[in-house]
PDB file of N, CA and C in Angstrom:
ATOM      1  N   MET A   1       2.489  -2.813 -63.272  1.00  0.00           N
ATOM      2  CA  MET A   1       2.492  -3.077 -61.911  1.00  0.00           C
ATOM      3  C   MET A   1       3.827  -3.146 -61.018  1.00  0.00           C
ATOM      4  N   LEU A   2       4.916  -3.109 -61.886  1.00  0.00           N
ATOM      5  CA  LEU A   2       5.980  -2.813 -61.380  1.00  0.00           C
ATOM      6  C   LEU A   2       6.848  -1.527 -61.947  1.00  0.00           C
ATOM      7  N   SER A   3       7.666  -0.748 -61.222  1.00  0.00           N
ATOM      8  CA  SER A   3       8.348   0.159 -61.827  1.00  0.00           C
ATOM      9  C   SER A   3       9.807  -0.017 -61.225  1.00  0.00           C
ATOM     10  N   THR A   4      10.744   0.219 -61.952  1.00  0.00           N
ATOM     11  CA  THR A   4      12.449  -0.189 -61.836  1.00  0.00           C
ATOM     12  C   THR A   4      13.266   1.240 -61.497  1.00  0.00           C
ATOM     13  N   ASP A   5      14.086   1.105 -60.969  1.00  0.00           N
ATOM     14  CA  ASP A   5      15.244   2.343 -60.648  1.00  0.00           C
ATOM     15  C   ASP A   5      16.667   1.500 -60.439  1.00  0.00           C
ATOM     16  N   LEU A   6      17.451   1.723 -60.907  1.00  0.00           N
ATOM     17  CA  LEU A   6      18.790   1.274 -60.870  1.00  0.00           C
ATOM     18  C   LEU A   6      19.749   2.144 -59.747  1.00  0.00           C
ATOM     19  N   ARG A   7      19.901   1.464 -58.843  1.00  0.00           N
ATOM     20  CA  ARG A   7      20.722   2.261 -57.417  1.00  0.00           C
ATOM     21  C   ARG A   7      21.918   1.322 -57.334  1.00  0.00           C
ATOM     22  N   ASN A   8      23.245   1.937 -57.344  1.00  0.00           N
ATOM     23  CA  ASN A   8      24.539   1.208 -57.300  1.00  0.00           C
ATOM     24  C   ASN A   8      24.584  -0.131 -58.160  1.00  0.00           C
ATOM     25  N   ASN A   9      24.148  -0.176 -59.174  1.00  0.00           N
ATOM     26  CA  ASN A   9      23.840  -1.619 -59.954  1.00  0.00           C
ATOM     27  C   ASN A   9      23.107  -2.287 -59.298  1.00  0.00           C
ATOM     28  N   ILE A  10      21.957  -1.883 -58.221  1.00  0.00           N
ATOM     29  CA  ILE A  10      21.191  -3.023 -57.638  1.00  0.00           C
ATOM     30  C   ILE A  10      19.773  -2.390 -58.184  1.00  0.00           C
ATOM     31  N   LEU A  11      19.142  -3.191 -58.979  1.00  0.00           N
ATOM     32  CA  LEU A  11      17.637  -3.019 -59.523  1.00  0.00           C
ATOM     33  C   LEU A  11      16.725  -2.796 -58.335  1.00  0.00           C
ATOM     34  N   VAL A  12      16.208  -1.653 -58.209  1.00  0.00           N
ATOM     35  CA  VAL A  12      15.231  -1.596 -57.085  1.00  0.00           C
ATOM     36  C   VAL A  12      13.659  -1.730 -57.881  1.00  0.00           C
ATOM     37  N   VAL A  13      13.065  -2.668 -57.506  1.00  0.00           N
ATOM     38  CA  VAL A  13      11.766  -3.128 -58.215  1.00  0.00           C
ATOM     39  C   VAL A  13      10.593  -2.529 -56.883  1.00  0.00           C
ATOM     40  N   ARG A  14       9.923  -1.765 -57.776  1.00  0.00           N
ATOM     41  CA  ARG A  14       8.701  -1.232 -56.849  1.00  0.00           C
ATOM     42  C   ARG A  14       7.267  -1.663 -57.106  1.00  0.00           C
ATOM     43  N   VAL A  15       6.423  -2.357 -56.465  1.00  0.00           N
ATOM     44  CA  VAL A  15       5.378  -2.917 -56.739  1.00  0.00           C
ATOM     45  C   VAL A  15       4.394  -1.588 -56.446  1.00  0.00           C
ATOM     46  N   GLU A  16       3.590  -1.423 -57.760  1.00  0.00           N
ATOM     47  CA  GLU A  16       2.590  -0.237 -57.676  1.00  0.00           C
ATOM     48  C   GLU A  16       1.475  -0.696 -57.619  1.00  0.00           C
ATOM     49  N   GLU A  17       1.004  -1.593 -56.682  1.00  0.00           N
ATOM     50  CA  GLU A  17      -0.258  -2.221 -56.630  1.00  0.00           C
ATOM     51  C   GLU A  17      -0.542  -2.374 -54.723  1.00  0.00           C
ATOM     52  N   LYS A  18      -1.757  -2.237 -54.676  1.00  0.00           N
ATOM     53  CA  LYS A  18      -1.830  -2.511 -53.136  1.00  0.00           C
ATOM     54  C   LYS A  18      -1.888  -3.930 -52.645  1.00  0.00           C
ATOM     55  N   ARG A  19      -2.136  -4.886 -53.710  1.00  0.00           N
ATOM     56  CA  ARG A  19      -2.170  -6.278 -53.502  1.00  0.00           C
ATOM     57  C   ARG A  19      -1.277  -7.212 -54.284  1.00  0.00           C
ATOM     58  N   ILE A  20      -0.895  -8.153 -53.883  1.00  0.00           N
ATOM     59  CA  ILE A  20      -0.149  -9.285 -54.540  1.00  0.00           C
ATOM     60  C   ILE A  20      -1.032 -10.496 -54.206  1.00  0.00           C
ATOM     61  N   ASP A  21      -1.813 -11.032 -55.013  1.00  0.00           N
ATOM     62  CA  ASP A  21      -3.023 -12.112 -54.828  1.00  0.00           C
ATOM     63  C   ASP A  21      -3.074 -13.036 -55.982  1.00  0.00           C
ATOM     64  N   ALA A  22      -4.034 -13.791 -55.977  1.00  0.00           N
ATOM     65  CA  ALA A  22      -4.285 -14.793 -56.968  1.00  0.00           C
ATOM     66  C   ALA A  22      -4.230 -14.150 -58.440  1.00  0.00           C
ATOM     67  N   SER A  23      -5.002 -12.867 -58.394  1.00  0.00           N
ATOM     68  CA  SER A  23      -5.368 -12.262 -59.708  1.00  0.00           C
ATOM     69  C   SER A  23      -4.092 -11.509 -59.999  1.00  0.00           C
ATOM     70  N   LYS A  24      -2.980 -11.066 -59.337  1.00  0.00           N
ATOM     71  CA  LYS A  24      -2.139 -10.320 -59.768  1.00  0.00           C
ATOM     72  C   LYS A  24      -0.500 -11.380 -59.690  1.00  0.00           C
ATOM     73  N   ALA A  25      -0.660 -12.166 -58.957  1.00  0.00           N
ATOM     74  CA  ALA A  25       0.595 -12.978 -58.922  1.00  0.00           C
ATOM     75  C   ALA A  25       1.359 -13.591 -60.162  1.00  0.00           C
ATOM     76  N   PRO A  26       0.476 -13.745 -61.016  1.00  0.00           N
ATOM     77  CA  PRO A  26       1.048 -14.463 -62.564  1.00  0.00           C
ATOM     78  C   PRO A  26       1.583 -13.236 -63.343  1.00  0.00           C
ATOM     79  N   THR A  27       1.259 -12.101 -63.439  1.00  0.00           N
ATOM     80  CA  THR A  27       1.641 -11.002 -63.867  1.00  0.00           C
ATOM     81  C   THR A  27       3.058 -10.410 -63.191  1.00  0.00           C
ATOM     82  N   PHE A  28       3.046 -10.330 -61.785  1.00  0.00           N
ATOM     83  CA  PHE A  28       4.092 -10.003 -61.159  1.00  0.00           C
ATOM     84  C   PHE A  28       5.296 -11.069 -61.346  1.00  0.00           C
ATOM     85  N   LYS A  29       4.884 -12.339 -61.317  1.00  0.00           N
ATOM     86  CA  LYS A  29       6.023 -13.244 -61.607  1.00  0.00           C
ATOM     87  C   LYS A  29       6.709 -13.097 -62.716  1.00  0.00           C
ATOM     88  N   ASP A  30       5.864 -12.958 -63.630  1.00  0.00           N
ATOM     89  CA  ASP A  30       6.264 -12.577 -65.039  1.00  0.00           C
ATOM     90  C   ASP A  30       7.213 -11.305 -65.417  1.00  0.00           C
ATOM     91  N   GLU A  31       6.807 -10.134 -65.027  1.00  0.00           N
ATOM     92  CA  GLU A  31       7.571  -9.019 -64.940  1.00  0.00           C
ATOM     93  C   GLU A  31       8.707  -9.279 -64.163  1.00  0.00           C
ATOM     94  N   MET A  32       8.790  -9.847 -62.920  1.00  0.00           N
ATOM     95  CA  MET A  32      10.077  -9.911 -62.234  1.00  0.00           C
ATOM     96  C   MET A  32      10.988 -10.934 -62.888  1.00  0.00           C
ATOM     97  N   ALA A  33      10.498 -11.934 -63.770  1.00  0.00           N
ATOM     98  CA  ALA A  33      11.294 -12.846 -64.799  1.00  0.00           C
ATOM     99  C   ALA A  33      11.919 -11.938 -65.427  1.00  0.00           C
ATOM    100  N   ARG A  34      11.175 -11.107 -66.247  1.00  0.00           N
ATOM    101  CA  ARG A  34      11.952 -10.310 -67.207  1.00  0.00           C
ATOM    102  C   ARG A  34      13.132  -9.607 -66.810  1.00  0.00           C
ATOM    103  N   CYS A  35      12.892  -8.888 -65.681  1.00  0.00           N
ATOM    104  CA  CYS A  35      14.152  -8.260 -65.087  1.00  0.00           C
ATOM    105  C   CYS A  35      15.199  -9.231 -64.620  1.00  0.00           C
ATOM    106  N   ILE A  36      14.850 -10.402 -64.224  1.00  0.00           N
ATOM    107  CA  ILE A  36      16.275 -11.554 -64.142  1.00  0.00           C
ATOM    108  C   ILE A  36      16.800 -11.690 -65.268  1.00  0.00           C
ATOM    109  N   GLU A  37      15.964 -12.158 -66.249  1.00  0.00           N
ATOM    110  CA  GLU A  37      16.413 -12.472 -67.670  1.00  0.00           C
ATOM    111  C   GLU A  37      16.931 -11.512 -68.319  1.00  0.00           C
ATOM    112  N   ALA A  38      16.769 -10.239 -68.106  1.00  0.00           N
ATOM    113  CA  ALA A  38      17.566  -9.150 -68.727  1.00  0.00           C
ATOM    114  C   ALA A  38      18.864  -9.025 -68.171  1.00  0.00           C
ATOM    115  N   GLY A  39      19.156  -9.875 -67.127  1.00  0.00           N
ATOM    116  CA  GLY A  39      20.645  -9.808 -66.391  1.00  0.00           C
ATOM    117  C   GLY A  39      20.699  -9.355 -65.099  1.00  0.00           C
ATOM    118  N   GLN A  40      19.672  -8.753 -64.529  1.00  0.00           N
ATOM    119  CA  GLN A  40      19.530  -8.184 -63.224  1.00  0.00           C
ATOM    120  C   GLN A  40      19.707  -9.252 -62.218  1.00  0.00           C
ATOM    121  N   ASN A  41      20.874  -9.385 -61.372  1.00  0.00           N
ATOM    122  CA  ASN A  41      20.848 -10.332 -60.255  1.00  0.00           C
ATOM    123  C   ASN A  41      21.072  -9.889 -59.110  1.00  0.00           C
ATOM    124  N   GLN A  42      21.043  -8.522 -58.945  1.00  0.00           N
ATOM    125  CA  GLN A  42      20.894  -7.944 -57.243  1.00  0.00           C
ATOM    126  C   GLN A  42      19.882  -7.177 -57.317  1.00  0.00           C
ATOM    127  N   LEU A  43      18.327  -7.624 -56.533  1.00  0.00           N
ATOM    128  CA  LEU A  43      17.220  -7.024 -56.753  1.00  0.00           C
ATOM    129  C   LEU A  43      16.985  -6.774 -55.341  1.00  0.00           C
ATOM    130  N   VAL A  44      16.291  -5.548 -55.165  1.00  0.00           N
ATOM    131  CA  VAL A  44      15.582  -4.888 -53.923  1.00  0.00           C
ATOM    132  C   VAL A  44      13.983  -4.977 -54.399  1.00  0.00           C
ATOM    133  N   LEU A  45      13.297  -5.774 -53.717  1.00  0.00           N
ATOM    134  CA  LEU A  45      12.095  -5.595 -54.021  1.00  0.00           C
ATOM    135  C   LEU A  45      11.208  -4.834 -52.999  1.00  0.00           C
ATOM    136  N   ASP A  46      10.786  -3.433 -53.469  1.00  0.00           N
ATOM    137  CA  ASP A  46      10.008  -2.546 -52.645  1.00  0.00           C
ATOM    138  C   ASP A  46       8.590  -2.573 -52.327  1.00  0.00           C
ATOM    139  N   LEU A  47       8.150  -3.343 -51.188  1.00  0.00           N
ATOM    140  CA  LEU A  47       6.896  -3.642 -50.905  1.00  0.00           C
ATOM    141  C   LEU A  47       5.954  -2.321 -50.039  1.00  0.00           C
ATOM    142  N   SER A  48       6.674  -1.263 -50.070  1.00  0.00           N
ATOM    143  CA  SER A  48       6.159  -0.354 -49.458  1.00  0.00           C
ATOM    144  C   SER A  48       4.514   0.065 -49.376  1.00  0.00           C
ATOM    145  N   GLN A  49       4.087  -0.172 -50.689  1.00  0.00           N
ATOM    146  CA  GLN A  49       2.932   0.132 -51.084  1.00  0.00           C
ATOM    147  C   GLN A  49       1.930  -0.845 -51.200  1.00  0.00           C
ATOM    148  N   VAL A  50       2.609  -2.073 -50.804  1.00  0.00           N
ATOM    149  CA  VAL A  50       1.808  -3.618 -50.796  1.00  0.00           C
ATOM    150  C   VAL A  50       0.957  -3.724 -49.432  1.00  0.00           C
ATOM    151  N   ASP A  51      -0.370  -3.837 -49.215  1.00  0.00           N
ATOM    152  CA  ASP A  51      -1.103  -4.050 -47.938  1.00  0.00           C
ATOM    153  C   ASP A  51      -1.262  -5.339 -47.927  1.00  0.00           C
ATOM    154  N   PHE A  52      -1.369  -6.175 -48.760  1.00  0.00           N
ATOM    155  CA  PHE A  52      -1.929  -7.658 -48.768  1.00  0.00           C
ATOM    156  C   PHE A  52      -1.172  -8.414 -49.767  1.00  0.00           C
ATOM    157  N   ILE A  53      -0.431  -9.871 -49.378  1.00  0.00           N
ATOM    158  CA  ILE A  53      -0.124 -10.882 -50.080  1.00  0.00           C
ATOM    159  C   ILE A  53      -0.754 -11.996 -49.661  1.00  0.00           C
ATOM    160  N   ASP A  54      -1.356 -12.903 -50.605  1.00  0.00           N
ATOM    161  CA  ASP A  54      -1.597 -14.028 -50.199  1.00  0.00           C
ATOM    162  C   ASP A  54      -0.805 -15.132 -50.672  1.00  0.00           C
ATOM    163  N   SER A  55      -0.885 -16.536 -50.339  1.00  0.00           N
ATOM    164  CA  SER A  55      -0.265 -17.538 -50.607  1.00  0.00           C
ATOM    165  C   SER A  55       0.251 -17.649 -52.145  1.00  0.00           C
ATOM    166  N   SER A  56      -0.282 -17.324 -52.990  1.00  0.00           N
ATOM    167  CA  SER A  56       0.114 -17.304 -54.532  1.00  0.00           C
ATOM    168  C   SER A  56       0.961 -16.198 -54.760  1.00  0.00           C
ATOM    169  N   GLY A  57       0.971 -14.807 -54.108  1.00  0.00           N
ATOM    170  CA  GLY A  57       1.855 -13.925 -54.037  1.00  0.00           C
ATOM    171  C   GLY A  57       3.222 -14.190 -53.654  1.00  0.00           C
ATOM    172  N   LEU A  58       3.310 -15.055 -52.296  1.00  0.00           N
ATOM    173  CA  LEU A  58       4.467 -15.452 -51.540  1.00  0.00           C
ATOM    174  C   LEU A  58       5.156 -16.489 -52.710  1.00  0.00           C
ATOM    175  N   GLY A  59       4.311 -17.169 -53.372  1.00  0.00           N
ATOM    176  CA  GLY A  59       4.663 -18.260 -54.312  1.00  0.00           C
ATOM    177  C   GLY A  59       5.321 -17.706 -55.437  1.00  0.00           C
ATOM    178  N   ALA A  60       4.819 -16.434 -55.869  1.00  0.00           N
ATOM    179  CA  ALA A  60       5.797 -15.735 -56.953  1.00  0.00           C
ATOM    180  C   ALA A  60       6.874 -15.258 -56.244  1.00  0.00           C
ATOM    181  N   LEU A  61       6.991 -14.955 -55.284  1.00  0.00           N
ATOM    182  CA  LEU A  61       8.258 -14.292 -54.614  1.00  0.00           C
ATOM    183  C   LEU A  61       9.378 -15.388 -54.513  1.00  0.00           C
ATOM    184  N   VAL A  62       8.904 -16.336 -54.057  1.00  0.00           N
ATOM    185  CA  VAL A  62       9.563 -17.758 -54.045  1.00  0.00           C
ATOM    186  C   VAL A  62      10.268 -18.376 -55.359  1.00  0.00           C
ATOM    187  N   SER A  63       9.299 -18.265 -56.473  1.00  0.00           N
ATOM    188  CA  SER A  63       9.922 -18.533 -57.919  1.00  0.00           C
ATOM    189  C   SER A  63      10.827 -17.432 -58.413  1.00  0.00           C
ATOM    190  N   CYS A  64      10.832 -16.387 -57.977  1.00  0.00           N
ATOM    191  CA  CYS A  64      11.573 -15.248 -58.098  1.00  0.00           C
ATOM    192  C   CYS A  64      13.070 -15.600 -57.642  1.00  0.00           C
ATOM    193  N   LEU A  65      13.037 -15.929 -56.363  1.00  0.00           N
ATOM    194  CA  LEU A  65      14.489 -16.230 -55.573  1.00  0.00           C
ATOM    195  C   LEU A  65      15.001 -17.593 -56.416  1.00  0.00           C
ATOM    196  N   LYS A  66      14.061 -18.578 -56.839  1.00  0.00           N
ATOM    197  CA  LYS A  66      14.726 -19.905 -57.460  1.00  0.00           C
ATOM    198  C   LYS A  66      15.226 -19.281 -58.667  1.00  0.00           C
ATOM    199  N   ARG A  67      14.606 -18.466 -59.577  1.00  0.00           N
ATOM    200  CA  ARG A  67      15.053 -18.264 -60.812  1.00  0.00           C
ATOM    201  C   ARG A  67      16.542 -17.418 -60.459  1.00  0.00           C
ATOM    202  N   LEU A  68      16.415 -16.584 -59.854  1.00  0.00           N
ATOM    203  CA  LEU A  68      17.761 -15.864 -59.453  1.00  0.00           C
ATOM    204  C   LEU A  68      19.032 -16.953 -59.150  1.00  0.00           C
ATOM    205  N   GLY A  69      18.543 -17.948 -58.539  1.00  0.00           N
ATOM    206  CA  GLY A  69      19.466 -19.115 -57.871  1.00  0.00           C
ATOM    207  C   GLY A  69      20.520 -18.630 -57.161  1.00  0.00           C
ATOM    208  N   PRO A  70      21.857 -19.244 -57.156  1.00  0.00           N
ATOM    209  CA  PRO A  70      23.081 -18.865 -56.391  1.00  0.00           C
ATOM    210  C   PRO A  70      23.769 -17.507 -57.085  1.00  0.00           C
ATOM    211  N   ARG A  71      23.255 -17.453 -58.167  1.00  0.00           N
ATOM    212  CA  ARG A  71      23.971 -16.116 -58.996  1.00  0.00           C
ATOM    213  C   ARG A  71      23.536 -14.726 -58.612  1.00  0.00           C
ATOM    214  N   GLY A  72      22.667 -14.686 -57.558  1.00  0.00           N
ATOM    215  CA  GLY A  72      22.014 -13.444 -57.264  1.00  0.00           C
ATOM    216  C   GLY A  72      21.314 -13.496 -55.990  1.00  0.00           C
ATOM    217  N   SER A  73      20.778 -12.298 -55.650  1.00  0.00           N
ATOM    218  CA  SER A  73      20.241 -11.932 -54.566  1.00  0.00           C
ATOM    219  C   SER A  73      19.131 -11.119 -54.783  1.00  0.00           C
ATOM    220  N   LEU A  74      18.011 -11.660 -53.849  1.00  0.00           N
ATOM    221  CA  LEU A  74      16.846 -10.524 -53.835  1.00  0.00           C
ATOM    222  C   LEU A  74      16.430 -10.418 -52.504  1.00  0.00           C
ATOM    223  N   ALA A  75      16.242  -9.015 -52.033  1.00  0.00           N
ATOM    224  CA  ALA A  75      16.105  -8.434 -50.805  1.00  0.00           C
ATOM    225  C   ALA A  75      14.868  -7.727 -50.879  1.00  0.00           C
ATOM    226  N   VAL A  76      14.208  -7.809 -49.576  1.00  0.00           N
ATOM    227  CA  VAL A  76      12.645  -7.282 -49.518  1.00  0.00           C
ATOM    228  C   VAL A  76      12.665  -6.115 -48.899  1.00  0.00           C
ATOM    229  N   ALA A  77      12.000  -4.859 -49.033  1.00  0.00           N
ATOM    230  CA  ALA A  77      12.116  -3.663 -48.639  1.00  0.00           C
ATOM    231  C   ALA A  77      10.816  -3.163 -48.213  1.00  0.00           C
ATOM    232  N   GLY A  78      10.665  -2.486 -47.146  1.00  0.00           N
ATOM    233  CA  GLY A  78       9.095  -1.803 -46.856  1.00  0.00           C
ATOM    234  C   GLY A  78       8.108  -2.621 -46.223  1.00  0.00           C
ATOM    235  N   ALA A  79       8.319  -3.866 -46.316  1.00  0.00           N
ATOM    236  CA  ALA A  79       7.257  -4.785 -45.721  1.00  0.00           C
ATOM    237  C   ALA A  79       6.535  -4.148 -44.281  1.00  0.00           C
ATOM    238  N   SER A  80       5.393  -3.956 -44.351  1.00  0.00           N
ATOM    239  CA  SER A  80       4.764  -3.752 -42.893  1.00  0.00           C
ATOM    240  C   SER A  80       3.342  -4.006 -42.784  1.00  0.00           C
ATOM    241  N   GLY A  81       3.118  -3.853 -41.768  1.00  0.00           N
ATOM    242  CA  GLY A  81       1.525  -4.369 -41.267  1.00  0.00           C
ATOM    243  C   GLY A  81       1.423  -5.825 -41.361  1.00  0.00           C
ATOM    244  N   ALA A  82       0.187  -6.297 -42.384  1.00  0.00           N
ATOM    245  CA  ALA A  82      -0.194  -7.798 -42.593  1.00  0.00           C
ATOM    246  C   ALA A  82       0.716  -8.291 -43.578  1.00  0.00           C
ATOM    247  N   VAL A  83       1.698  -7.575 -44.269  1.00  0.00           N
ATOM    248  CA  VAL A  83       2.597  -8.201 -45.151  1.00  0.00           C
ATOM    249  C   VAL A  83       3.800  -8.607 -44.214  1.00  0.00           C
ATOM    250  N   SER A  84       4.211  -7.717 -43.443  1.00  0.00           N
ATOM    251  CA  SER A  84       5.236  -8.061 -42.498  1.00  0.00           C
ATOM    252  C   SER A  84       5.012  -9.375 -41.610  1.00  0.00           C
ATOM    253  N   ARG A  85       3.792  -9.314 -41.160  1.00  0.00           N
ATOM    254  CA  ARG A  85       3.264 -10.599 -40.130  1.00  0.00           C
ATOM    255  C   ARG A  85       3.437 -11.719 -40.868  1.00  0.00           C
ATOM    256  N   LEU A  86       2.912 -11.742 -42.378  1.00  0.00           N
ATOM    257  CA  LEU A  86       2.683 -12.850 -43.154  1.00  0.00           C
ATOM    258  C   LEU A  86       4.216 -13.520 -43.202  1.00  0.00           C
ATOM    259  N   PHE A  87       5.109 -12.648 -43.591  1.00  0.00           N
ATOM    260  CA  PHE A  87       6.372 -13.093 -43.651  1.00  0.00           C
ATOM    261  C   PHE A  87       7.003 -13.792 -42.306  1.00  0.00           C
ATOM    262  N   THR A  88       6.426 -13.353 -41.216  1.00  0.00           N
ATOM    263  CA  THR A  88       6.948 -13.892 -39.881  1.00  0.00           C
ATOM    264  C   THR A  88       6.068 -15.238 -39.686  1.00  0.00           C
ATOM    265  N   LEU A  89       4.630 -15.073 -40.061  1.00  0.00           N
ATOM    266  CA  LEU A  89       4.109 -16.403 -39.656  1.00  0.00           C
ATOM    267  C   LEU A  89       4.262 -17.598 -40.530  1.00  0.00           C
ATOM    268  N   THR A  90       4.712 -17.377 -41.761  1.00  0.00           N
ATOM    269  CA  THR A  90       5.149 -18.202 -42.871  1.00  0.00           C
ATOM    270  C   THR A  90       6.772 -18.610 -42.576  1.00  0.00           C
ATOM    271  N   ARG A  91       7.270 -18.078 -41.884  1.00  0.00           N
ATOM    272  CA  ARG A  91       8.791 -18.182 -41.837  1.00  0.00           C
ATOM    273  C   ARG A  91       9.805 -17.494 -43.048  1.00  0.00           C
ATOM    274  N   MET A  92       8.918 -17.046 -44.024  1.00  0.00           N
ATOM    275  CA  MET A  92       9.665 -16.409 -45.279  1.00  0.00           C
ATOM    276  C   MET A  92      10.751 -15.197 -44.802  1.00  0.00           C
ATOM    277  N   ASP A  93      10.588 -14.768 -43.379  1.00  0.00           N
ATOM    278  CA  ASP A  93      11.523 -13.798 -43.010  1.00  0.00           C
ATOM    279  C   ASP A  93      12.797 -14.709 -42.628  1.00  0.00           C
ATOM    280  N   ARG A  94      12.726 -15.910 -42.697  1.00  0.00           N
ATOM    281  CA  ARG A  94      14.102 -16.578 -42.533  1.00  0.00           C
ATOM    282  C   ARG A  94      14.475 -16.889 -44.071  1.00  0.00           C
ATOM    283  N   VAL A  95      13.999 -16.764 -45.166  1.00  0.00           N
ATOM    284  CA  VAL A  95      14.029 -16.956 -46.626  1.00  0.00           C
ATOM    285  C   VAL A  95      14.695 -15.772 -47.301  1.00  0.00           C
ATOM    286  N   PHE A  96      13.834 -14.690 -46.927  1.00  0.00           N
ATOM    287  CA  PHE A  96      14.196 -13.418 -47.867  1.00  0.00           C
ATOM    288  C   PHE A  96      14.934 -12.542 -46.368  1.00  0.00           C
ATOM    289  N   ALA A  97      15.905 -11.725 -47.230  1.00  0.00           N
ATOM    290  CA  ALA A  97      16.307 -10.553 -46.226  1.00  0.00           C
ATOM    291  C   ALA A  97      15.345  -9.305 -46.094  1.00  0.00           C
ATOM    292  N   LEU A  98      14.736  -9.227 -45.239  1.00  0.00           N
ATOM    293  CA  LEU A  98      13.963  -8.372 -44.938  1.00  0.00           C
ATOM    294  C   LEU A  98      14.452  -6.621 -44.370  1.00  0.00           C
ATOM    295  N   HIS A  99      14.387  -5.671 -45.191  1.00  0.00           N
ATOM    296  CA  HIS A  99      14.834  -4.514 -44.627  1.00  0.00           C
ATOM    297  C   HIS A  99      13.726  -3.350 -44.228  1.00  0.00           C
ATOM    298  N   PRO A 100      14.198  -2.629 -43.424  1.00  0.00           N
ATOM    299  CA  PRO A 100      12.849  -1.509 -43.326  1.00  0.00           C
ATOM    300  C   PRO A 100      12.643  -0.490 -44.384  1.00  0.00           C
ATOM    301  N   ASN A 101      13.578  -0.327 -45.101  1.00  0.00           N
ATOM    302  CA  ASN A 101      13.144   0.674 -46.303  1.00  0.00           C
ATOM    303  C   ASN A 101      14.394   0.388 -47.386  1.00  0.00           C
ATOM    304  N   VAL A 102      14.255   0.817 -48.780  1.00  0.00           N
ATOM    305  CA  VAL A 102      14.979   0.560 -49.942  1.00  0.00           C
ATOM    306  C   VAL A 102      16.309   1.128 -49.521  1.00  0.00           C
ATOM    307  N   ASP A 103      16.731   2.209 -48.948  1.00  0.00           N
ATOM    308  CA  ASP A 103      17.863   2.642 -48.756  1.00  0.00           C
ATOM    309  C   ASP A 103      18.857   1.608 -48.087  1.00  0.00           C
ATOM    310  N   LYS A 104      18.054   1.026 -46.945  1.00  0.00           N
ATOM    311  CA  LYS A 104      19.094   0.066 -46.072  1.00  0.00           C
ATOM    312  C   LYS A 104      19.010  -1.102 -46.953  1.00  0.00           C
ATOM    313  N   ALA A 105      18.237  -1.753 -47.727  1.00  0.00           N
ATOM    314  CA  ALA A 105      18.283  -2.767 -48.341  1.00  0.00           C
ATOM    315  C   ALA A 105      19.637  -2.659 -49.370  1.00  0.00           C
ATOM    316  N   VAL A 106      19.569  -1.594 -50.088  1.00  0.00           N
ATOM    317  CA  VAL A 106      20.778  -1.381 -51.123  1.00  0.00           C
ATOM    318  C   VAL A 106      21.993  -1.258 -50.518  1.00  0.00           C
ATOM    319  N   GLU A 107      22.090  -0.505 -49.418  1.00  0.00           N
ATOM    320  CA  GLU A 107      23.250  -0.296 -48.681  1.00  0.00           C
ATOM    321  C   GLU A 107      23.869  -1.784 -48.094  1.00  0.00           C
ATOM    322  N   GLN A 108      22.747  -2.728 -47.774  1.00  0.00           N
ATOM    323  CA  GLN A 108      23.028  -4.066 -47.407  1.00  0.00           C
ATOM    324  C   GLN A 108      23.688  -5.042 -48.621  1.00  0.00           C
ATOM    325  N   LEU A 109      23.076  -4.729 -49.662  1.00  0.00           N
ATOM    326  CA  LEU A 109      23.610  -5.437 -50.836  1.00  0.00           C
ATOM    327  C   LEU A 109      24.821  -5.074 -51.526  1.00  0.00           C
ATOM    328  N   SER A 110      25.174  -3.609 -51.329  1.00  0.00           N
ATOM    329  CA  SER A 110      26.306  -2.995 -51.823  1.00  0.00           C
ATOM    330  C   SER A 110      27.520  -3.354 -51.226  1.00  0.00           C
ATOM    331  N   ALA A 111      27.333  -3.784 -49.960  1.00  0.00           N
ATOM    332  CA  ALA A 111      28.462  -4.242 -48.636  1.00  0.00           C
ATOM    333  C   ALA A 111      29.172  -5.189 -49.372  1.00  0.00           C
TER     334      ALA A 111
END
């Protein structure tokens, strides 16, 4: 479901699914938790391949943010279309730093 790449000591996590819904959210949450528990505290979540997120997917994202706590940060990159609208509609765009692409997100977290 996820692939990872390390850039400037920032873990870029790419979601390799079209949807993060009730059937995929638990696996997504577990895989993200493993990344965080492995000591990664600066993460960029690449949602460029994701076409749909439901409330359980958003809940899993919030859970990851809580798991990081004050010791880390989670930026979202590449959200577009329905995914971007959902972040705005639910006001999650005020909770997560949204970036147009991974390069911008890594640049911002590296600053």
